[in-house]
Protein backbone atom coordinates (compact mmCIF):
# COMPACT_ATOMS: atom_id res chain seq x y z
CA UNK A 1 -0.12 -0.04 -0.02
CA UNK A 2 1.10 3.37 -1.02
CA UNK A 3 2.40 5.14 2.36
CA UNK A 4 0.63 8.32 1.56
CA UNK A 5 -2.56 7.02 1.40
CA UNK A 6 -4.92 6.08 3.86
CA UNK A 7 -5.81 2.36 4.32
CA UNK A 8 -9.63 1.15 4.08
CA UNK A 9 -10.03 0.68 7.53
CA UNK A 10 -8.49 3.76 8.75
CA UNK A 11 -10.58 5.69 6.06
CA UNK A 12 -13.65 4.35 7.36
CA UNK A 13 -12.86 5.50 10.77
CA UNK A 14 -12.17 9.10 9.34
CA UNK A 15 -15.25 9.23 7.46
CA UNK A 16 -17.25 8.13 10.75
CA UNK A 17 -16.02 10.59 12.79
CA UNK A 18 -16.30 13.13 9.84
CA UNK A 19 -20.38 12.26 9.89
CA UNK A 20 -20.34 12.48 13.44
CA UNK A 21 -18.71 16.01 13.18
CA UNK A 22 -21.52 16.50 10.54
CA UNK A 23 -24.23 16.07 12.60
CA UNK A 24 -22.81 17.64 15.73
CA UNK A 25 -22.05 20.88 14.37
CA UNK A 26 -25.49 20.86 12.29
CA UNK A 27 -26.98 21.49 15.63
CA UNK A 28 -24.32 24.34 16.68
CA UNK A 29 -24.74 25.84 13.50
CA UNK A 30 -28.52 26.93 14.16
CA UNK A 31 -27.30 29.63 16.39
CA UNK A 32 -26.63 32.38 13.46
CA UNK A 33 -29.82 31.58 11.40
CA UNK A 34 -32.03 32.00 14.39
CA UNK A 35 -30.23 35.00 15.42
CA UNK A 36 -32.48 37.68 13.80
CA UNK A 37 -35.53 35.77 15.44
CA UNK A 38 -34.00 35.65 18.77
CA UNK A 39 -32.94 39.68 18.36
CA UNK A 40 -36.72 40.29 17.97
CA UNK A 41 -38.38 37.86 20.58
CA UNK A 42 -35.93 39.11 23.36
CA UNK A 43 -35.06 42.73 21.88
CA UNK A 44 -31.76 42.33 22.22
CA UNK A 45 -28.57 45.03 21.10
CA UNK A 46 -25.95 43.57 18.56
CA UNK A 47 -23.68 43.46 21.78
CA UNK A 48 -26.39 41.01 23.69
CA UNK A 49 -26.68 38.94 20.55
CA UNK A 50 -22.90 38.83 20.09
CA UNK A 51 -22.52 37.40 23.63
CA UNK A 52 -24.93 34.41 22.67
CA UNK A 53 -21.77 33.50 20.18
CA UNK A 54 -19.42 33.74 23.15
CA UNK A 55 -21.71 31.82 25.57
CA UNK A 56 -21.58 28.98 23.19
CA UNK A 57 -17.58 29.08 23.10
CA UNK A 58 -16.72 29.92 26.47
CA UNK A 59 -16.61 26.53 27.84
CA UNK A 60 -13.25 26.63 25.57
CA UNK A 61 -11.10 27.76 28.37
CA UNK A 62 -11.77 24.30 29.63
CA UNK A 63 -10.08 22.19 26.72
CA UNK A 64 -6.49 22.09 27.82
CA UNK A 65 -8.05 20.55 31.11
CA UNK A 66 -10.57 18.12 28.75
CA UNK A 67 -7.31 17.44 26.66
CA UNK A 68 -5.25 16.57 29.73
CA UNK A 69 -8.17 13.92 30.73
CA UNK A 70 -8.22 12.81 26.93
CA UNK A 71 -4.11 12.02 26.76
CA UNK A 72 -4.78 9.89 30.10
CA UNK A 73 -8.18 8.43 29.43
CA UNK A 74 -8.73 8.56 25.81
CA UNK A 75 -12.28 9.92 26.34
CA UNK A 76 -14.00 7.75 23.85
CA UNK A 77 -17.07 8.07 26.19
CA UNK A 78 -17.43 11.89 25.92
CA UNK A 79 -17.11 11.88 21.80
CA UNK A 80 -19.96 9.23 21.98
CA UNK A 81 -22.20 11.30 23.75
CA UNK A 82 -21.55 14.59 22.28
CA UNK A 83 -23.84 14.38 19.52
CA UNK A 84 -26.77 13.76 21.81
CA UNK A 85 -25.96 16.18 24.45
CA UNK A 86 -25.67 18.91 21.76
CA UNK A 87 -28.61 18.07 19.98
CA UNK A 88 -30.88 18.38 23.16
CA UNK A 89 -29.44 21.38 24.19
CA UNK A 90 -29.70 23.23 20.92
CA UNK A 91 -32.87 21.83 19.83
CA UNK A 92 -34.50 23.52 23.10
CA UNK A 93 -33.45 26.98 22.27
CA UNK A 94 -36.45 27.87 20.36
CA UNK A 95 -38.96 27.17 23.42
CA UNK A 96 -37.01 28.85 26.17
CA UNK A 97 -38.90 31.85 27.60
CA UNK A 98 -35.93 33.87 28.85
CA UNK A 99 -32.93 35.44 27.27
CA UNK A 100 -30.53 33.78 30.10
CA UNK A 101 -32.19 30.38 29.53
CA UNK A 102 -30.60 30.44 25.89
CA UNK A 103 -27.25 31.53 27.26
CA UNK A 104 -27.50 28.40 29.72
CA UNK A 105 -28.28 26.00 26.76
CA UNK A 106 -25.42 27.43 24.43
CA UNK A 107 -23.07 26.84 27.77
CA UNK A 108 -24.16 23.12 27.45
CA UNK A 109 -23.33 22.87 24.10
CA UNK A 110 -20.09 24.43 24.46
CA UNK A 111 -19.27 22.34 26.70
CA UNK A 112 -20.30 19.08 24.64
CA UNK A 113 -18.40 20.57 21.76
CA UNK A 114 -15.29 21.00 23.20
CA UNK A 115 -15.66 17.07 24.54
CA UNK A 116 -15.74 16.34 21.15
CA UNK A 117 -13.40 18.48 19.23
CA UNK A 118 -10.63 18.36 21.90
CA UNK A 119 -9.43 14.56 21.32
CA UNK A 120 -10.78 13.79 17.76
CA UNK A 121 -7.67 15.69 15.87
CA UNK A 122 -5.36 13.32 17.94
CA UNK A 123 -7.54 10.19 16.93
CA UNK A 124 -6.89 11.62 13.01
CA UNK A 125 -3.22 11.72 13.48
CA UNK A 126 -3.11 8.03 14.16
CA UNK A 127 -5.55 7.23 11.41
CA UNK A 128 -3.70 9.45 8.83
CA UNK A 129 -0.32 9.14 9.11
CA UNK A 130 1.55 11.03 6.29
CA UNK A 131 -1.78 12.27 4.68
CA UNK A 132 -2.52 14.41 7.85
CA UNK A 133 -3.32 17.32 6.09
CA UNK A 134 -5.93 15.43 4.17
CA UNK A 135 -7.57 13.52 7.24
CA UNK A 136 -7.91 16.74 8.66
CA UNK A 137 -9.69 18.28 5.71
CA UNK A 138 -12.09 15.13 5.61
CA UNK A 139 -12.87 15.75 8.98
CA UNK A 140 -13.32 19.34 8.69
CA UNK A 141 -15.42 18.96 5.50
CA UNK A 142 -17.98 17.09 8.45
CA UNK A 143 -18.25 20.56 10.06
CA UNK A 144 -18.22 22.95 7.10
CA UNK A 145 -21.39 21.04 5.31
CA UNK A 146 -23.29 20.98 8.69
CA UNK A 147 -22.96 24.93 8.51
CA UNK A 148 -24.30 24.43 5.04
CA UNK A 149 -27.36 21.82 5.89
CA UNK A 150 -27.61 23.71 9.22
CA UNK A 151 -29.58 27.10 8.20
CA UNK A 152 -31.85 25.11 5.77
CA UNK A 153 -32.80 22.31 8.33
CA UNK A 154 -33.65 24.86 11.04
CA UNK A 155 -35.36 27.46 8.48
CA UNK A 156 -37.62 24.53 7.26
CA UNK A 157 -38.28 23.70 11.00
CA UNK A 158 -38.90 27.22 11.68
CA UNK A 159 -41.13 27.25 8.63
CA UNK A 160 -42.84 23.97 9.71
CA UNK A 161 -43.52 24.26 13.52
CA UNK A 162 -42.34 27.96 14.40
CA UNK A 163 -39.38 28.85 16.61
CA UNK A 164 -40.42 26.96 19.51
CA UNK A 165 -41.03 23.38 17.67
CA UNK A 166 -37.59 23.01 16.31
CA UNK A 167 -36.98 20.51 19.48
CA UNK A 168 -38.66 17.90 17.15
CA UNK A 169 -34.67 17.87 15.35
CA UNK A 170 -33.19 16.63 18.73
CA UNK A 171 -33.50 12.55 17.75
CA UNK A 172 -30.84 12.58 14.89
CA UNK A 173 -28.16 13.44 17.31
CA UNK A 174 -29.13 10.64 19.93
CA UNK A 175 -28.99 8.15 16.97
CA UNK A 176 -25.87 9.41 16.00
CA UNK A 177 -24.55 8.67 19.62
CA UNK A 178 -25.76 4.89 19.71
CA UNK A 179 -24.23 4.33 16.34
CA UNK A 180 -20.85 6.06 17.57
CA UNK A 181 -20.76 3.77 20.70
CA UNK A 182 -21.69 0.71 18.53
CA UNK A 183 -19.03 1.56 15.78
CA UNK A 184 -16.10 2.47 18.32
CA UNK A 185 -16.42 0.20 21.09
CA UNK A 186 -13.39 -1.94 19.94
CA UNK A 187 -11.45 0.93 18.91
CA UNK A 188 -8.57 2.36 21.46
CA UNK A 189 -8.19 6.35 21.63
CA UNK A 190 -4.44 7.53 21.65
CA UNK A 191 -3.11 8.79 24.86
CA UNK A 192 0.21 11.03 25.61
CA UNK A 193 3.84 9.43 25.46
CA UNK A 194 4.38 8.26 28.65
CA UNK A 195 7.56 9.15 30.30
CA UNK A 196 8.51 11.69 27.94
CA UNK A 197 8.19 14.42 30.51
CA UNK A 198 11.33 14.60 32.31
CA UNK A 199 10.71 17.98 33.80
CA UNK A 200 8.03 16.72 36.46
CA UNK A 201 5.73 19.90 35.40
CA UNK A 202 2.16 19.74 35.13
CA UNK A 203 1.39 18.73 31.24
CA UNK A 204 -0.11 22.24 30.74
CA UNK A 205 2.92 24.00 31.75
CA UNK A 206 5.33 21.49 30.19
CA UNK A 207 3.20 22.00 26.65
CA UNK A 208 2.84 25.57 26.81
CA UNK A 209 7.06 26.06 27.14
CA UNK A 210 7.44 23.57 24.83
CA UNK A 211 5.37 25.03 22.35
CA UNK A 212 5.53 28.93 22.99
CA UNK A 213 6.59 29.37 19.44
CA UNK A 214 3.80 27.26 17.58
CA UNK A 215 1.14 29.04 19.63
CA UNK A 216 2.70 32.34 19.78
CA UNK A 217 2.46 31.78 15.85
CA UNK A 218 -0.77 31.10 15.65
CA UNK A 219 -2.10 34.38 17.08
CA UNK A 220 -1.80 36.19 13.94
CA UNK A 221 -3.80 33.09 12.06
CA UNK A 222 -6.50 33.57 14.85
CA UNK A 223 -6.79 37.47 14.72
CA UNK A 224 -7.06 37.18 10.78
CA UNK A 225 -10.02 34.40 10.94
CA UNK A 226 -11.69 36.08 13.93
CA UNK A 227 -12.22 39.43 11.95
CA UNK A 228 -13.28 37.91 8.80
CA UNK A 229 -14.86 34.30 9.23
CA UNK A 230 -16.12 34.73 13.00
CA UNK A 231 -17.93 37.99 12.64
CA UNK A 232 -19.29 36.83 8.79
CA UNK A 233 -20.78 33.48 10.39
CA UNK A 234 -22.43 35.27 13.37
CA UNK A 235 -23.56 38.43 11.62
CA UNK A 236 -24.17 37.81 8.10
CA UNK A 237 -27.69 37.00 8.38
CA UNK A 238 -28.38 39.80 10.36
CA UNK A 239 -26.60 42.03 8.12
CA UNK A 240 -28.47 40.79 5.18
CA UNK A 241 -31.89 41.12 6.73
CA UNK A 242 -30.99 44.82 7.67
CA UNK A 243 -30.28 45.48 4.14
CA UNK A 244 -33.99 44.27 3.36
CA UNK A 245 -33.47 40.70 2.72
CA UNK A 246 -35.82 38.09 3.85
CA UNK A 247 -35.23 35.57 6.49
CA UNK A 248 -35.11 32.98 4.35
CA UNK A 249 -33.34 34.77 1.89
CA UNK A 250 -30.56 35.56 4.65
CA UNK A 251 -30.12 31.79 5.72
CA UNK A 252 -30.12 30.73 2.11
CA UNK A 253 -27.14 32.90 1.54
CA UNK A 254 -25.34 31.43 4.87
CA UNK A 255 -25.66 28.33 3.19
CA UNK A 256 -23.57 29.37 0.42
CA UNK A 257 -21.14 30.50 2.23
CA UNK A 258 -20.41 27.35 4.15
CA UNK A 259 -21.06 25.64 0.75
CA UNK A 260 -18.08 27.32 -0.17
CA UNK A 261 -16.18 26.73 2.98
CA UNK A 262 -16.40 22.63 2.47
CA UNK A 263 -14.74 23.41 -1.07
CA UNK A 264 -11.86 25.70 0.70
CA UNK A 265 -11.46 23.12 3.40
CA UNK A 266 -10.83 20.17 0.93
CA UNK A 267 -8.51 22.14 -1.00
CA UNK A 268 -6.73 23.69 1.65
CA UNK A 269 -6.04 20.21 3.40
CA UNK A 270 -4.38 18.61 0.56
CA UNK A 271 -2.74 21.44 -0.91
CA UNK A 272 -0.97 21.79 2.57
CA UNK A 273 -0.02 18.09 2.26
CA UNK A 274 1.77 19.17 -0.99
CA UNK A 275 3.22 23.02 -0.76
CA UNK A 276 3.76 23.06 2.67
CA UNK A 277 1.37 24.62 5.80
CA UNK A 278 3.24 27.98 5.91
CA UNK A 279 2.74 28.82 2.47
CA UNK A 280 -0.68 28.02 2.23
CA UNK A 281 -1.41 29.84 5.40
CA UNK A 282 0.14 32.99 4.00
CA UNK A 283 -2.11 33.20 1.18
CA UNK A 284 -5.11 32.33 3.09
CA UNK A 285 -4.68 35.20 5.48
CA UNK A 286 -4.15 37.43 3.16
CA UNK A 287 -6.73 36.88 0.61
CA UNK A 288 -9.67 36.39 3.27
CA UNK A 289 -9.56 40.01 4.38
CA UNK A 290 -9.61 40.87 0.46
CA UNK A 291 -12.73 38.87 -0.30
CA UNK A 292 -14.72 40.52 2.51
CA UNK A 293 -14.22 44.08 1.31
CA UNK A 294 -15.09 42.84 -2.16
CA UNK A 295 -18.35 41.74 -0.70
CA UNK A 296 -18.83 45.09 0.88
CA UNK A 297 -17.82 47.03 -2.02
CA UNK A 298 -19.78 45.28 -5.10
CA UNK A 299 -22.91 45.36 -2.83
CA UNK A 300 -26.02 43.02 -2.70
CA UNK A 301 -26.52 42.96 -6.55
CA UNK A 302 -23.63 40.32 -7.04
CA UNK A 303 -23.45 39.06 -3.62
CA UNK A 304 -23.41 35.42 -4.31
CA UNK A 305 -20.27 35.25 -6.10
CA UNK A 306 -18.54 37.65 -3.21
CA UNK A 307 -20.31 35.39 -0.56
CA UNK A 308 -18.46 32.23 -2.09
CA UNK A 309 -15.12 33.70 -2.28
CA UNK A 310 -15.41 34.67 1.36
CA UNK A 311 -16.26 31.17 2.30
CA UNK A 312 -13.22 29.53 0.09
CA UNK A 313 -10.77 31.83 1.71
CA UNK A 314 -11.84 32.71 5.13
CA UNK A 315 -13.03 29.24 6.73
CA UNK A 316 -10.46 27.11 4.92
CA UNK A 317 -7.48 27.45 7.31
CA UNK A 318 -8.67 25.29 9.89
CA UNK A 319 -7.61 21.52 8.76
CA UNK A 320 -4.19 23.36 7.86
CA UNK A 321 -3.91 24.69 11.57
CA UNK A 322 -4.89 21.39 13.36
CA UNK A 323 -2.22 19.49 11.05
CA UNK A 324 0.30 22.02 11.59
CA UNK A 325 -0.34 21.47 15.86
CA UNK A 326 -0.36 17.84 15.39
CA UNK A 327 2.84 17.82 13.40
CA UNK A 328 4.87 19.27 16.43
CA UNK A 329 5.08 16.00 18.38
CA UNK A 330 3.63 17.10 21.51
CA UNK A 331 4.26 14.58 24.11
CA UNK A 332 0.62 15.52 25.24
CA UNK A 333 -1.14 16.08 21.83
CA UNK A 334 -4.62 16.50 23.08
CA UNK A 335 -3.36 19.33 25.95
CA UNK A 336 -1.72 21.28 22.79
CA UNK A 337 -4.89 21.15 20.70
CA UNK A 338 -6.56 22.07 23.96
CA UNK A 339 -4.39 25.22 24.56
CA UNK A 340 -4.84 26.48 20.68
CA UNK A 341 -8.39 25.88 20.78
CA UNK A 342 -8.57 27.93 23.92
CA UNK A 343 -6.58 30.70 22.58
CA UNK A 344 -8.80 30.74 19.44
CA UNK A 345 -11.65 31.13 21.72
CA UNK A 346 -10.22 34.00 23.73
CA UNK A 347 -9.38 35.97 20.69
CA UNK A 348 -12.60 35.32 18.90
CA UNK A 349 -14.83 36.04 21.82
CA UNK A 350 -12.88 39.64 22.20
CA UNK A 351 -13.11 40.43 18.81
CA UNK A 352 -16.75 39.24 18.11
CA UNK A 353 -17.82 41.22 21.04
CA UNK A 354 -16.05 44.37 20.10
CA UNK A 355 -17.35 43.95 16.64
CA UNK A 356 -20.67 43.74 18.19
CA UNK A 357 -20.06 46.81 20.17
CA UNK A 358 -18.94 48.80 17.45
CA UNK A 359 -22.12 47.89 15.27
CA UNK A 360 -23.95 49.38 18.02
CA UNK A 361 -22.21 52.56 17.74
CA UNK A 362 -22.06 52.84 13.90
CA UNK A 363 -23.74 50.03 11.59
CA UNK A 364 -22.96 46.43 10.66
CA UNK A 365 -21.75 47.63 7.46
CA UNK A 366 -18.96 49.92 8.72
CA UNK A 367 -18.09 47.37 11.59
CA UNK A 368 -17.58 44.77 8.57
CA UNK A 369 -15.36 47.24 6.86
CA UNK A 370 -12.99 48.36 10.01
CA UNK A 371 -12.90 44.44 10.87
CA UNK A 372 -11.52 43.72 7.52
CA UNK A 373 -8.74 46.41 7.35
CA UNK A 374 -7.99 45.32 10.76
CA UNK A 375 -7.60 41.75 10.11
CA UNK A 376 -4.51 42.34 7.74
CA UNK A 377 -2.49 42.88 10.97
CA UNK A 378 -3.09 38.82 11.52
CA UNK A 379 -1.34 38.18 7.97
CA UNK A 380 1.60 40.48 9.66
CA UNK A 381 1.88 38.83 12.62
CA UNK A 382 1.81 35.19 11.19
CA UNK A 383 4.35 36.40 8.64
CA UNK A 384 6.89 37.65 11.00
CA UNK A 385 6.66 34.69 13.14
CA UNK A 386 6.63 32.47 10.49
CA UNK A 387 9.50 33.32 8.89
CA UNK A 388 11.74 33.25 12.13
CA UNK A 389 10.73 29.61 12.62
CA UNK A 390 10.15 28.42 9.52
CA UNK A 391 13.16 26.09 9.69
CA UNK A 392 12.06 24.37 12.71
CA UNK A 393 7.78 24.31 12.77
CA UNK A 394 6.63 25.52 9.61
CA UNK A 395 8.44 23.28 6.57
CA UNK A 396 7.67 25.00 3.34
CA UNK A 397 7.12 21.68 1.73
CA UNK A 398 6.57 18.04 3.09
CA UNK A 399 9.06 15.18 2.39
């Protein structure tokens, strides 16, 4: 068998995890589409609307500790139950009578999401071998397709049953958890490299010290992605509704954005195996804000081509970053992934909240313009750090 290919057995496991990722993230993708309805229902400012997105991700602060558990215990049970837990929490959002009840359900969803997303990339490294970028892209495609299908599914559910009736969507997640339990019962999740930490330090401190250059370099990537992809996926439907588009049209446009992200993710993961992670990430972090500016300048008349370009560039860096983190040979790979996800949460949360506040003061359109211009700073940060460290942690080509 070609060393660069995935064996049929491993490929089936990757497909299974990608399918679970798809279904899990279908539920978490409901929030952006429902945001205009929730803003109207609870009479929210854009700042409070942005806080809902933050609440969904605030459990990411626990990711390094979840990663520590994953490295020690494998955490298979948490990966298995996550689709069911997320399905129940997100399907109940429409019927909650109070804003703070929505925040509580989003917090539960965030915990469930962390339990799924932290350990799985380590499993993918074991399954994908030298095709790590490709394996990560297959997994990430599940997440991106979910954000294409999710808006369409929840729009249909709201049309049929109303906002309070979307609880009827929860059975699919429960069934996926049952299926995962059956298919993974004989599969052993990888753990840490026992004995490699000679310093006696806690695994979190040890990993932070060993990987400080890697984590510093990713700050630029997070900055650009937060000011492009994160604000777009959070506020695009609300922006389109404010410009006179219907709720259904706004949701369908979000689906186009996420469909483009699917194509971008598959392209990025595959190409990074051939031209190198650093070179591709430099290209993506430069062109992502360019496409946002193009969307704003051209206007709504020729919106869909610009939306497709935004989705293709702004969202496609994730599998490359995940592969980059896992390639560093950390003794505690799940802890390293947890640290990255926590840093991503902190940067994204601050910037999304700042974006919402700016939109309250000015307008959504002006806030989009400013965020696109500021995101070029992320390109500069990554370019500087990756240039200094490319010979050690960012190879320009794969052997």
